[in-house]
Amino acid sequence: MKKAQIGEHTFEIDQQNEEYLLNGQSFKFDVAESGNGDLHFLVNNKSYQTKVISIDKEEKTVQVKVNNTPYTVSVKDNLDLLLAKLGMESVGQAGAKDVKAPMPGLIIDVLVSEGQEVKKGDHLLILEAMKMENVIKCPADGVVSGLHATKGDSVEKGKILLSL
């Protein structure tokens, strides 16, 4: 299943065998490529001319024009939905100042030190939770301004592990 957010509207999209479901209801569509990457959709006997303007894979957003009206579509797949359910959706958000524990666990290793310059995606800590080692990555470029957890600490979900 995938969830698409367009403005304030959320849509659940699923595929079961050859059938597509939109918010739990079956819908049929045909699609044809118009030549220059534009797509023409026929959905429930309505025609939609679409053009992809841009794709941001990191933010999982797509800028599209449908019948010449621009839309920003945010898409979440099964992994995104599972991370949100586990309370880990904030992991990796740009601009964060505090890095928090996404779940309760045990700090296995701290891979950075106070004052160290870090880049987005760098490994900061290793948190053991549910018998799995989880690498906590840096959400944004910055400098480690404070360490609030050490190797061997038990932490609860939401505890601040370090500050940038």
Protein backbone atom coordinates (compact mmCIF):
# COMPACT_ATOMS: atom_id res chain seq x y z
CA MET A 1 0.00 0.00 0.00
CA LYS A 2 1.03 3.58 -0.60
CA LYS A 3 -0.33 6.84 0.75
CA ALA A 4 -0.35 9.98 -1.38
CA GLN A 5 -0.84 13.42 0.12
CA ILE A 6 -2.08 16.22 -2.15
CA GLY A 7 -2.68 19.38 -0.18
CA GLU A 8 -4.92 18.43 2.74
CA HIS A 9 -6.21 15.29 1.01
CA THR A 10 -4.76 11.83 1.72
CA PHE A 11 -5.30 8.89 -0.61
CA GLU A 12 -4.56 5.22 0.07
CA ILE A 13 -3.53 3.34 -3.06
CA ASP A 14 -3.30 -0.43 -3.13
CA GLN A 15 -3.07 -3.15 -5.74
CA GLN A 16 -4.66 -6.55 -5.33
CA ASN A 17 -3.92 -8.87 -8.23
CA GLU A 18 -4.93 -6.93 -11.36
CA GLU A 19 -7.19 -4.52 -9.48
CA TYR A 20 -6.25 -1.10 -8.11
CA LEU A 21 -7.94 0.30 -5.01
CA LEU A 22 -8.22 3.99 -4.15
CA ASN A 23 -9.30 4.52 -0.53
CA GLY A 24 -10.57 0.94 -0.52
CA GLN A 25 -12.69 1.29 -3.66
CA SER A 26 -11.86 -0.35 -6.97
CA PHE A 27 -11.02 1.91 -9.87
CA LYS A 28 -9.99 1.28 -13.44
CA PHE A 29 -7.73 3.39 -15.59
CA ASP A 30 -5.93 3.38 -18.90
CA VAL A 31 -2.72 5.26 -19.53
CA ALA A 32 -0.98 6.30 -22.75
CA GLU A 33 2.27 8.16 -23.24
CA SER A 34 1.87 11.37 -25.25
CA GLY A 35 5.37 11.37 -26.70
CA ASN A 36 7.44 13.90 -24.73
CA GLY A 37 7.01 12.17 -21.38
CA ASP A 38 3.51 13.47 -20.82
CA LEU A 39 0.91 10.90 -19.85
CA HIS A 40 -2.75 10.73 -20.67
CA PHE A 41 -4.94 8.94 -18.12
CA LEU A 42 -8.50 7.78 -18.58
CA VAL A 43 -9.93 7.14 -15.08
CA ASN A 44 -13.55 6.12 -14.67
CA ASN A 45 -14.31 7.61 -18.09
CA LYS A 46 -12.67 10.98 -17.26
CA SER A 47 -9.65 12.26 -19.18
CA TYR A 48 -6.53 13.64 -17.45
CA GLN A 49 -3.50 15.11 -19.25
CA THR A 50 -0.47 14.91 -16.92
CA LYS A 51 3.08 16.20 -16.99
CA VAL A 52 5.76 15.47 -14.40
CA ILE A 53 7.57 18.73 -13.58
CA SER A 54 10.07 17.44 -11.02
CA ILE A 55 10.79 14.50 -8.74
CA ASP A 56 12.52 14.79 -5.36
CA LYS A 57 13.43 11.21 -4.40
CA GLU A 58 14.87 12.20 -1.04
CA GLU A 59 11.71 14.03 0.08
CA LYS A 60 9.52 11.57 -1.88
CA THR A 61 7.58 14.34 -3.59
CA VAL A 62 6.54 14.84 -7.19
CA GLN A 63 5.55 18.12 -8.84
CA VAL A 64 2.94 17.42 -11.53
CA LYS A 65 0.51 19.28 -13.70
CA VAL A 66 -2.86 17.64 -14.24
CA ASN A 67 -4.96 19.31 -16.92
CA ASN A 68 -2.61 22.31 -16.55
CA THR A 69 -3.16 22.64 -12.78
CA PRO A 70 0.03 22.19 -10.68
CA TYR A 71 0.07 19.79 -7.72
CA THR A 72 2.66 18.63 -5.22
CA VAL A 73 2.22 14.96 -4.39
CA SER A 74 3.93 13.43 -1.36
CA VAL A 75 4.13 9.63 -1.49
CA LYS A 76 4.74 7.21 1.39
CA ASP A 77 5.37 3.53 0.74
CA ASN A 78 5.08 0.56 3.13
CA LEU A 79 8.48 1.28 4.71
CA ASP A 80 7.60 4.94 5.36
CA LEU A 81 4.29 3.89 6.91
CA LEU A 82 6.02 1.30 9.12
CA LEU A 83 8.62 3.86 10.28
CA ALA A 84 5.82 6.29 11.13
CA LYS A 85 4.02 3.56 13.08
CA LEU A 86 7.24 2.89 15.03
CA GLY A 87 7.66 6.61 15.70
CA MET A 88 10.72 6.91 13.47
CA GLU A 89 9.32 9.32 10.86
CA SER A 90 11.38 12.22 12.22
CA VAL A 91 14.65 10.34 11.71
CA GLY A 92 16.37 11.98 8.79
CA GLN A 93 14.41 15.22 8.71
CA ALA A 94 16.56 18.15 7.64
CA GLY A 95 17.09 21.02 10.03
CA ALA A 96 16.72 19.02 13.23
CA LYS A 97 18.73 20.34 16.19
CA ASP A 98 18.22 17.36 18.49
CA VAL A 99 18.58 13.72 17.50
CA LYS A 100 16.11 11.64 19.50
CA ALA A 101 15.80 7.92 20.09
CA PRO A 102 13.24 6.59 17.61
CA MET A 103 12.42 3.68 19.96
CA PRO A 104 13.49 2.35 23.36
CA GLY A 105 16.77 0.50 23.35
CA LEU A 106 20.39 0.24 24.42
CA ILE A 107 23.18 2.46 23.08
CA ILE A 108 25.74 0.01 21.67
CA ASP A 109 28.19 2.62 20.38
CA VAL A 110 28.60 6.38 20.02
CA LEU A 111 30.42 7.10 16.77
CA VAL A 112 30.93 10.87 17.12
CA SER A 113 32.30 13.25 19.71
CA GLU A 114 31.31 16.70 20.90
CA GLY A 115 32.58 19.43 18.56
CA GLN A 116 32.84 17.05 15.61
CA GLU A 117 31.56 18.30 12.25
CA VAL A 118 29.03 15.91 10.71
CA LYS A 119 27.27 15.69 7.35
CA LYS A 120 23.74 14.57 6.59
CA GLY A 121 23.66 10.77 6.52
CA ASP A 122 26.76 10.27 8.70
CA HIS A 123 26.46 7.49 11.29
CA LEU A 124 26.09 8.97 14.80
CA LEU A 125 25.13 6.15 17.15
CA ILE A 126 24.15 2.50 17.15
CA LEU A 127 20.97 1.69 19.08
CA GLU A 128 20.03 -1.92 19.82
CA ALA A 129 16.29 -2.42 19.89
CA MET A 130 14.23 -5.58 19.48
CA LYS A 131 17.47 -7.59 19.07
CA MET A 132 18.44 -5.49 16.03
CA GLU A 133 21.21 -2.93 15.69
CA ASN A 134 19.89 0.36 14.30
CA VAL A 135 22.28 2.97 12.96
CA ILE A 136 21.10 6.46 13.87
CA LYS A 137 22.12 8.76 11.04
CA CYS A 138 22.66 12.50 11.00
CA PRO A 139 19.56 14.38 9.80
CA ALA A 140 21.45 17.48 8.59
CA ASP A 141 24.91 18.98 8.22
CA GLY A 142 26.16 20.48 11.47
CA VAL A 143 28.45 20.25 14.48
CA VAL A 144 27.78 18.00 17.46
CA SER A 145 27.14 20.49 20.26
CA GLY A 146 26.21 18.02 22.97
CA LEU A 147 26.17 14.28 23.65
CA HIS A 148 23.31 13.22 25.92
CA ALA A 149 23.84 9.45 25.77
CA THR A 150 26.85 7.19 26.22
CA LYS A 151 27.70 3.62 25.34
CA GLY A 152 25.70 1.24 27.56
CA ASP A 153 22.85 3.68 28.29
CA SER A 154 19.28 2.41 28.15
CA VAL A 155 17.10 5.01 26.46
CA GLU A 156 13.38 5.53 26.03
CA LYS A 157 11.68 6.57 22.82
CA GLY A 158 12.05 10.32 22.30
CA LYS A 159 15.10 10.77 24.59
CA ILE A 160 17.51 13.32 23.17
CA LEU A 161 20.68 11.42 22.23
CA LEU A 162 22.71 14.34 20.90
CA SER A 163 22.36 17.96 19.81
CA LEU A 164 23.60 19.59 16.63
